[in-house]
Amino acid sequence: MAYMVSNMKKITWCTVVLIIVGITGFLGVKYFTDNQFGTPDLTNGKSKFITNCAVCHGLKGRGDGIAANTLTISPDDIYDELTNPLGFKSELISSVLNGDNGQGGVMPAFKNTLSESDVNDIFMYIKVIN
């Protein structure tokens, strides 16, 4: 019986260690990927946001722009996407550059108009104004 209890404690500790290592790894990858695009330029972010995003996503990026009501799928609330603790900024940047047609959405690709750095600037601008 003592042997079984000892093995259960080992299994429990191994599980706890694996969970901690997994969480730490996830947070490390998230920190690295979310900060790989350099220091944001808020002036550029505001300009690019107003020119390319506000008509659909609204003045604060909440998905309530003047064109939002004409679309079959509502634009995403960018601020909510950016503050999702399980989301990755690199994935969001890719959605902007390549277009996001998930769930029947119709967001066009902006890879010929914006750079990764531009989108990073836009995202920081949205975080600051909210």
N, C-alpha and C. Protein backbone atom coordinates (compact mmCIF):
# COMPACT_ATOMS: atom_id res chain seq x y z
N MET A 1 0.83 -1.20 0.00
CA MET A 1 0.00 0.00 0.00
C MET A 1 0.87 1.26 0.00
N ALA A 2 1.93 1.27 0.80
CA ALA A 2 2.82 2.43 0.86
C ALA A 2 3.47 2.66 -0.50
N TYR A 3 3.77 1.55 -1.22
CA TYR A 3 4.36 1.64 -2.54
C TYR A 3 3.40 2.34 -3.51
N MET A 4 2.12 2.02 -3.44
CA MET A 4 1.11 2.63 -4.32
C MET A 4 0.97 4.12 -4.03
N VAL A 5 0.98 4.47 -2.75
CA VAL A 5 0.86 5.89 -2.37
C VAL A 5 2.08 6.65 -2.87
N SER A 6 3.25 6.07 -2.74
CA SER A 6 4.48 6.70 -3.20
C SER A 6 4.44 6.91 -4.71
N ASN A 7 3.98 5.90 -5.45
CA ASN A 7 3.87 6.04 -6.92
C ASN A 7 2.84 7.09 -7.30
N MET A 8 1.73 7.18 -6.57
CA MET A 8 0.71 8.20 -6.86
C MET A 8 1.27 9.60 -6.65
N LYS A 9 2.09 9.77 -5.60
CA LYS A 9 2.70 11.07 -5.35
C LYS A 9 3.65 11.44 -6.49
N LYS A 10 4.41 10.45 -6.99
CA LYS A 10 5.33 10.71 -8.10
C LYS A 10 4.55 11.11 -9.34
N ILE A 11 3.46 10.40 -9.62
CA ILE A 11 2.65 10.72 -10.79
C ILE A 11 2.06 12.12 -10.65
N THR A 12 1.57 12.46 -9.46
CA THR A 12 0.99 13.78 -9.23
C THR A 12 2.04 14.86 -9.43
N TRP A 13 3.23 14.68 -8.88
CA TRP A 13 4.28 15.68 -9.03
C TRP A 13 4.73 15.79 -10.48
N CYS A 14 4.83 14.66 -11.15
CA CYS A 14 5.20 14.69 -12.58
C CYS A 14 4.15 15.47 -13.38
N THR A 15 2.89 15.26 -13.08
CA THR A 15 1.81 15.96 -13.77
C THR A 15 1.91 17.46 -13.52
N VAL A 16 2.13 17.84 -12.28
CA VAL A 16 2.25 19.26 -11.93
C VAL A 16 3.44 19.89 -12.66
N VAL A 17 4.56 19.19 -12.68
CA VAL A 17 5.75 19.71 -13.36
C VAL A 17 5.48 19.86 -14.86
N LEU A 18 4.85 18.86 -15.46
CA LEU A 18 4.54 18.94 -16.89
C LEU A 18 3.60 20.10 -17.20
N ILE A 19 2.63 20.33 -16.35
CA ILE A 19 1.71 21.45 -16.55
C ILE A 19 2.45 22.78 -16.46
N ILE A 20 3.31 22.91 -15.46
CA ILE A 20 4.09 24.15 -15.28
C ILE A 20 5.01 24.38 -16.47
N VAL A 21 5.68 23.33 -16.92
CA VAL A 21 6.57 23.46 -18.08
C VAL A 21 5.77 23.84 -19.32
N GLY A 22 4.60 23.22 -19.50
CA GLY A 22 3.76 23.55 -20.65
C GLY A 22 3.30 25.00 -20.64
N ILE A 23 2.83 25.46 -19.50
CA ILE A 23 2.36 26.84 -19.39
C ILE A 23 3.51 27.82 -19.61
N THR A 24 4.65 27.52 -19.00
CA THR A 24 5.82 28.39 -19.15
C THR A 24 6.26 28.45 -20.61
N GLY A 25 6.27 27.30 -21.27
CA GLY A 25 6.64 27.27 -22.69
C GLY A 25 5.67 28.08 -23.53
N PHE A 26 4.37 27.92 -23.29
CA PHE A 26 3.36 28.67 -24.03
C PHE A 26 3.57 30.17 -23.84
N LEU A 27 3.75 30.60 -22.58
CA LEU A 27 3.92 32.02 -22.30
C LEU A 27 5.20 32.56 -22.94
N GLY A 28 6.26 31.76 -22.95
CA GLY A 28 7.51 32.18 -23.59
C GLY A 28 7.34 32.37 -25.08
N VAL A 29 6.69 31.42 -25.74
CA VAL A 29 6.45 31.53 -27.18
C VAL A 29 5.55 32.72 -27.47
N LYS A 30 4.49 32.89 -26.66
CA LYS A 30 3.58 34.02 -26.86
C LYS A 30 4.32 35.35 -26.71
N TYR A 31 5.14 35.48 -25.68
CA TYR A 31 5.88 36.73 -25.46
C TYR A 31 6.80 37.01 -26.66
N PHE A 32 7.52 35.98 -27.09
CA PHE A 32 8.44 36.16 -28.21
C PHE A 32 7.70 36.56 -29.49
N THR A 33 6.67 35.81 -29.84
CA THR A 33 5.97 36.09 -31.10
C THR A 33 5.23 37.42 -31.06
N ASP A 34 4.69 37.78 -29.90
CA ASP A 34 3.96 39.05 -29.80
C ASP A 34 4.88 40.26 -29.84
N ASN A 35 6.17 40.06 -29.60
CA ASN A 35 7.10 41.18 -29.55
C ASN A 35 8.16 41.14 -30.65
N GLN A 36 7.97 40.33 -31.65
CA GLN A 36 8.97 40.18 -32.71
C GLN A 36 8.89 41.25 -33.79
N PHE A 37 7.91 42.11 -33.74
CA PHE A 37 7.69 43.06 -34.82
C PHE A 37 8.26 44.45 -34.53
N GLY A 38 8.97 44.59 -33.44
CA GLY A 38 9.63 45.86 -33.14
C GLY A 38 8.75 46.82 -32.36
N THR A 39 9.30 47.98 -32.11
CA THR A 39 8.60 49.01 -31.36
C THR A 39 7.56 49.67 -32.25
N PRO A 40 6.31 49.70 -31.82
CA PRO A 40 5.26 50.28 -32.65
C PRO A 40 5.36 51.80 -32.79
N ASP A 41 4.96 52.29 -33.94
CA ASP A 41 4.88 53.72 -34.23
C ASP A 41 3.39 54.09 -34.23
N LEU A 42 2.95 54.75 -33.16
CA LEU A 42 1.52 55.05 -33.01
C LEU A 42 0.99 56.02 -34.07
N THR A 43 1.83 56.94 -34.52
CA THR A 43 1.39 57.87 -35.56
C THR A 43 1.10 57.12 -36.85
N ASN A 44 2.00 56.22 -37.22
CA ASN A 44 1.77 55.39 -38.41
C ASN A 44 0.56 54.49 -38.20
N GLY A 45 0.45 53.91 -36.99
CA GLY A 45 -0.68 53.02 -36.70
C GLY A 45 -2.01 53.73 -36.85
N LYS A 46 -2.09 54.94 -36.33
CA LYS A 46 -3.35 55.71 -36.45
C LYS A 46 -3.67 56.00 -37.91
N SER A 47 -2.69 56.47 -38.65
CA SER A 47 -2.89 56.80 -40.05
C SER A 47 -3.33 55.58 -40.86
N LYS A 48 -2.62 54.47 -40.70
CA LYS A 48 -2.95 53.25 -41.45
C LYS A 48 -4.31 52.68 -41.02
N PHE A 49 -4.61 52.78 -39.73
CA PHE A 49 -5.89 52.28 -39.22
C PHE A 49 -7.05 53.07 -39.83
N ILE A 50 -6.96 54.39 -39.78
CA ILE A 50 -8.04 55.22 -40.31
C ILE A 50 -8.22 54.99 -41.81
N THR A 51 -7.12 54.86 -42.54
CA THR A 51 -7.18 54.66 -43.99
C THR A 51 -7.69 53.28 -44.38
N ASN A 52 -7.30 52.24 -43.65
CA ASN A 52 -7.56 50.87 -44.11
C ASN A 52 -8.58 50.07 -43.29
N CYS A 53 -8.83 50.46 -42.05
CA CYS A 53 -9.58 49.58 -41.16
C CYS A 53 -10.87 50.17 -40.58
N ALA A 54 -10.86 51.46 -40.31
CA ALA A 54 -11.95 52.08 -39.55
C ALA A 54 -13.31 51.96 -40.21
N VAL A 55 -13.38 51.95 -41.53
CA VAL A 55 -14.67 51.90 -42.21
C VAL A 55 -15.45 50.64 -41.82
N CYS A 56 -14.76 49.54 -41.61
CA CYS A 56 -15.43 48.29 -41.20
C CYS A 56 -15.35 48.06 -39.69
N HIS A 57 -14.17 48.32 -39.13
CA HIS A 57 -13.95 47.99 -37.72
C HIS A 57 -14.30 49.11 -36.75
N GLY A 58 -14.63 50.30 -37.23
CA GLY A 58 -15.02 51.40 -36.35
C GLY A 58 -13.84 52.19 -35.85
N LEU A 59 -14.12 53.31 -35.21
CA LEU A 59 -13.07 54.24 -34.78
C LEU A 59 -12.18 53.69 -33.67
N LYS A 60 -12.65 52.67 -32.95
CA LYS A 60 -11.84 52.07 -31.89
C LYS A 60 -11.52 50.60 -32.18
N GLY A 61 -11.85 50.14 -33.39
CA GLY A 61 -11.54 48.77 -33.76
C GLY A 61 -12.46 47.73 -33.15
N ARG A 62 -13.68 48.14 -32.80
CA ARG A 62 -14.61 47.24 -32.11
C ARG A 62 -15.59 46.53 -33.05
N GLY A 63 -15.39 46.65 -34.36
CA GLY A 63 -16.25 45.96 -35.32
C GLY A 63 -17.54 46.69 -35.64
N ASP A 64 -17.58 47.98 -35.35
CA ASP A 64 -18.82 48.75 -35.52
C ASP A 64 -18.66 49.93 -36.48
N GLY A 65 -17.89 49.73 -37.54
CA GLY A 65 -17.69 50.79 -38.52
C GLY A 65 -18.92 51.03 -39.37
N ILE A 66 -18.90 52.09 -40.14
CA ILE A 66 -20.09 52.45 -40.93
C ILE A 66 -20.43 51.40 -41.99
N ALA A 67 -19.47 50.63 -42.44
CA ALA A 67 -19.74 49.59 -43.43
C ALA A 67 -20.14 48.26 -42.78
N ALA A 68 -20.01 48.15 -41.47
CA ALA A 68 -20.26 46.88 -40.78
C ALA A 68 -21.68 46.36 -41.01
N ASN A 69 -22.64 47.25 -41.02
CA ASN A 69 -24.04 46.83 -41.19
C ASN A 69 -24.35 46.31 -42.59
N THR A 70 -23.51 46.61 -43.55
CA THR A 70 -23.74 46.16 -44.92
C THR A 70 -23.11 44.79 -45.19
N LEU A 71 -22.33 44.29 -44.24
CA LEU A 71 -21.63 43.02 -44.44
C LEU A 71 -22.44 41.85 -43.91
N THR A 72 -22.32 40.70 -44.55
CA THR A 72 -23.04 39.50 -44.10
C THR A 72 -22.45 38.94 -42.81
N ILE A 73 -21.16 39.12 -42.61
CA ILE A 73 -20.47 38.70 -41.38
C ILE A 73 -19.92 39.96 -40.73
N SER A 74 -20.23 40.16 -39.47
CA SER A 74 -19.75 41.35 -38.76
C SER A 74 -18.22 41.32 -38.63
N PRO A 75 -17.58 42.47 -38.81
CA PRO A 75 -16.14 42.54 -38.60
C PRO A 75 -15.77 42.21 -37.16
N ASP A 76 -14.59 41.64 -36.99
CA ASP A 76 -14.13 41.29 -35.64
C ASP A 76 -13.90 42.53 -34.80
N ASP A 77 -14.04 42.35 -33.50
CA ASP A 77 -13.63 43.34 -32.52
C ASP A 77 -12.13 43.14 -32.35
N ILE A 78 -11.34 43.98 -32.98
CA ILE A 78 -9.88 43.80 -32.98
C ILE A 78 -9.32 43.88 -31.56
N TYR A 79 -9.85 44.79 -30.75
CA TYR A 79 -9.35 44.92 -29.37
C TYR A 79 -9.53 43.62 -28.60
N ASP A 80 -10.69 43.00 -28.73
CA ASP A 80 -10.92 41.72 -28.06
C ASP A 80 -9.93 40.66 -28.55
N GLU A 81 -9.68 40.64 -29.84
CA GLU A 81 -8.72 39.68 -30.40
C GLU A 81 -7.33 39.93 -29.83
N LEU A 82 -6.94 41.20 -29.72
CA LEU A 82 -5.60 41.53 -29.23
C LEU A 82 -5.42 41.23 -27.75
N THR A 83 -6.49 41.29 -26.98
CA THR A 83 -6.38 41.07 -25.54
C THR A 83 -6.73 39.64 -25.13
N ASN A 84 -6.97 38.77 -26.09
CA ASN A 84 -7.23 37.36 -25.81
C ASN A 84 -5.92 36.73 -25.31
N PRO A 85 -5.89 36.24 -24.07
CA PRO A 85 -4.64 35.70 -23.54
C PRO A 85 -4.14 34.45 -24.27
N LEU A 86 -4.99 33.80 -25.03
CA LEU A 86 -4.58 32.60 -25.75
C LEU A 86 -4.27 32.87 -27.22
N GLY A 87 -4.46 34.12 -27.65
CA GLY A 87 -4.22 34.47 -29.05
C GLY A 87 -2.79 34.91 -29.29
N PHE A 88 -2.38 34.81 -30.54
CA PHE A 88 -1.04 35.23 -30.94
C PHE A 88 -1.15 36.38 -31.92
N LYS A 89 -0.37 37.44 -31.67
CA LYS A 89 -0.39 38.60 -32.55
C LYS A 89 0.03 38.21 -33.96
N SER A 90 0.98 37.31 -34.10
CA SER A 90 1.44 36.90 -35.43
C SER A 90 0.31 36.28 -36.24
N GLU A 91 -0.58 35.56 -35.59
CA GLU A 91 -1.74 34.98 -36.28
C GLU A 91 -2.69 36.08 -36.76
N LEU A 92 -2.89 37.09 -35.92
CA LEU A 92 -3.76 38.21 -36.30
C LEU A 92 -3.15 39.01 -37.46
N ILE A 93 -1.84 39.22 -37.39
CA ILE A 93 -1.16 39.95 -38.47
C ILE A 93 -1.30 39.18 -39.78
N SER A 94 -1.15 37.88 -39.71
CA SER A 94 -1.32 37.04 -40.90
C SER A 94 -2.74 37.16 -41.46
N SER A 95 -3.74 37.21 -40.58
CA SER A 95 -5.14 37.37 -41.02
C SER A 95 -5.34 38.68 -41.77
N VAL A 96 -4.70 39.73 -41.29
CA VAL A 96 -4.83 41.03 -41.95
C VAL A 96 -4.12 41.01 -43.31
N LEU A 97 -2.92 40.49 -43.34
CA LEU A 97 -2.14 40.51 -44.57
C LEU A 97 -2.70 39.57 -45.64
N ASN A 98 -3.20 38.42 -45.21
CA ASN A 98 -3.66 37.41 -46.17
C ASN A 98 -5.16 37.37 -46.35
N GLY A 99 -5.88 38.18 -45.60
CA GLY A 99 -7.34 38.16 -45.64
C GLY A 99 -7.84 37.10 -44.68
N ASP A 100 -9.01 37.32 -44.16
CA ASP A 100 -9.57 36.37 -43.20
C ASP A 100 -10.93 35.94 -43.71
N ASN A 101 -10.97 34.76 -44.26
CA ASN A 101 -12.21 34.26 -44.82
C ASN A 101 -12.79 33.11 -44.00
N GLY A 102 -12.35 32.99 -42.76
CA GLY A 102 -12.91 31.98 -41.87
C GLY A 102 -14.36 32.29 -41.56
N GLN A 103 -15.15 31.29 -41.32
CA GLN A 103 -16.57 31.42 -40.98
C GLN A 103 -17.33 32.24 -42.02
N GLY A 104 -16.91 32.15 -43.27
CA GLY A 104 -17.62 32.87 -44.33
C GLY A 104 -17.31 34.35 -44.38
N GLY A 105 -16.31 34.80 -43.65
CA GLY A 105 -15.95 36.21 -43.63
C GLY A 105 -15.41 36.67 -44.97
N VAL A 106 -15.37 37.94 -45.17
CA VAL A 106 -14.96 38.47 -46.47
C VAL A 106 -13.87 39.54 -46.33
N MET A 107 -13.10 39.50 -45.27
CA MET A 107 -12.06 40.51 -45.11
C MET A 107 -11.00 40.33 -46.20
N PRO A 108 -10.71 41.38 -46.94
CA PRO A 108 -9.72 41.27 -48.01
C PRO A 108 -8.30 41.19 -47.46
N ALA A 109 -7.39 40.75 -48.30
CA ALA A 109 -5.97 40.72 -47.94
C ALA A 109 -5.38 42.12 -48.09
N PHE A 110 -4.52 42.49 -47.17
CA PHE A 110 -3.87 43.81 -47.22
C PHE A 110 -2.37 43.71 -47.45
N LYS A 111 -1.89 42.53 -47.91
CA LYS A 111 -0.45 42.33 -48.06
C LYS A 111 0.18 43.24 -49.11
N ASN A 112 -0.61 43.75 -50.01
CA ASN A 112 -0.07 44.68 -51.02
C ASN A 112 -0.15 46.13 -50.57
N THR A 113 -0.78 46.35 -49.42
CA THR A 113 -0.98 47.71 -48.90
C THR A 113 -0.23 47.95 -47.59
N LEU A 114 -0.19 46.92 -46.73
CA LEU A 114 0.40 47.06 -45.40
C LEU A 114 1.53 46.05 -45.21
N SER A 115 2.47 46.41 -44.34
CA SER A 115 3.55 45.50 -43.96
C SER A 115 3.23 44.92 -42.57
N GLU A 116 4.00 43.93 -42.15
CA GLU A 116 3.85 43.40 -40.79
C GLU A 116 4.02 44.51 -39.77
N SER A 117 5.00 45.37 -40.01
CA SER A 117 5.27 46.49 -39.10
C SER A 117 4.07 47.45 -39.04
N ASP A 118 3.46 47.73 -40.19
CA ASP A 118 2.28 48.59 -40.23
C ASP A 118 1.15 48.00 -39.38
N VAL A 119 0.90 46.70 -39.54
CA VAL A 119 -0.18 46.05 -38.80
C VAL A 119 0.14 46.05 -37.31
N ASN A 120 1.39 45.83 -36.96
CA ASN A 120 1.80 45.91 -35.55
C ASN A 120 1.53 47.31 -35.00
N ASP A 121 1.83 48.32 -35.80
CA ASP A 121 1.56 49.72 -35.39
C ASP A 121 0.05 49.93 -35.19
N ILE A 122 -0.74 49.41 -36.11
CA ILE A 122 -2.20 49.53 -36.01
C ILE A 122 -2.70 48.87 -34.73
N PHE A 123 -2.21 47.68 -34.44
CA PHE A 123 -2.66 46.96 -33.25
C PHE A 123 -2.32 47.72 -31.97
N MET A 124 -1.13 48.29 -31.90
CA MET A 124 -0.78 49.05 -30.69
C MET A 124 -1.64 50.31 -30.59
N TYR A 125 -1.92 50.94 -31.71
CA TYR A 125 -2.80 52.11 -31.71
C TYR A 125 -4.17 51.73 -31.14
N ILE A 126 -4.72 50.60 -31.58
CA ILE A 126 -6.02 50.15 -31.08
C ILE A 126 -5.97 49.89 -29.58
N LYS A 127 -4.88 49.28 -29.12
CA LYS A 127 -4.78 49.02 -27.67
C LYS A 127 -4.73 50.31 -26.88
N VAL A 128 -4.02 51.30 -27.41
CA VAL A 128 -3.86 52.58 -26.70
C VAL A 128 -5.18 53.36 -26.63
N ILE A 129 -5.96 53.35 -27.70
CA ILE A 129 -7.19 54.16 -27.71
C ILE A 129 -8.35 53.50 -26.96
N ASN A 130 -8.22 52.24 -26.63
CA ASN A 130 -9.27 51.56 -25.89
C ASN A 130 -8.87 51.57 -24.45
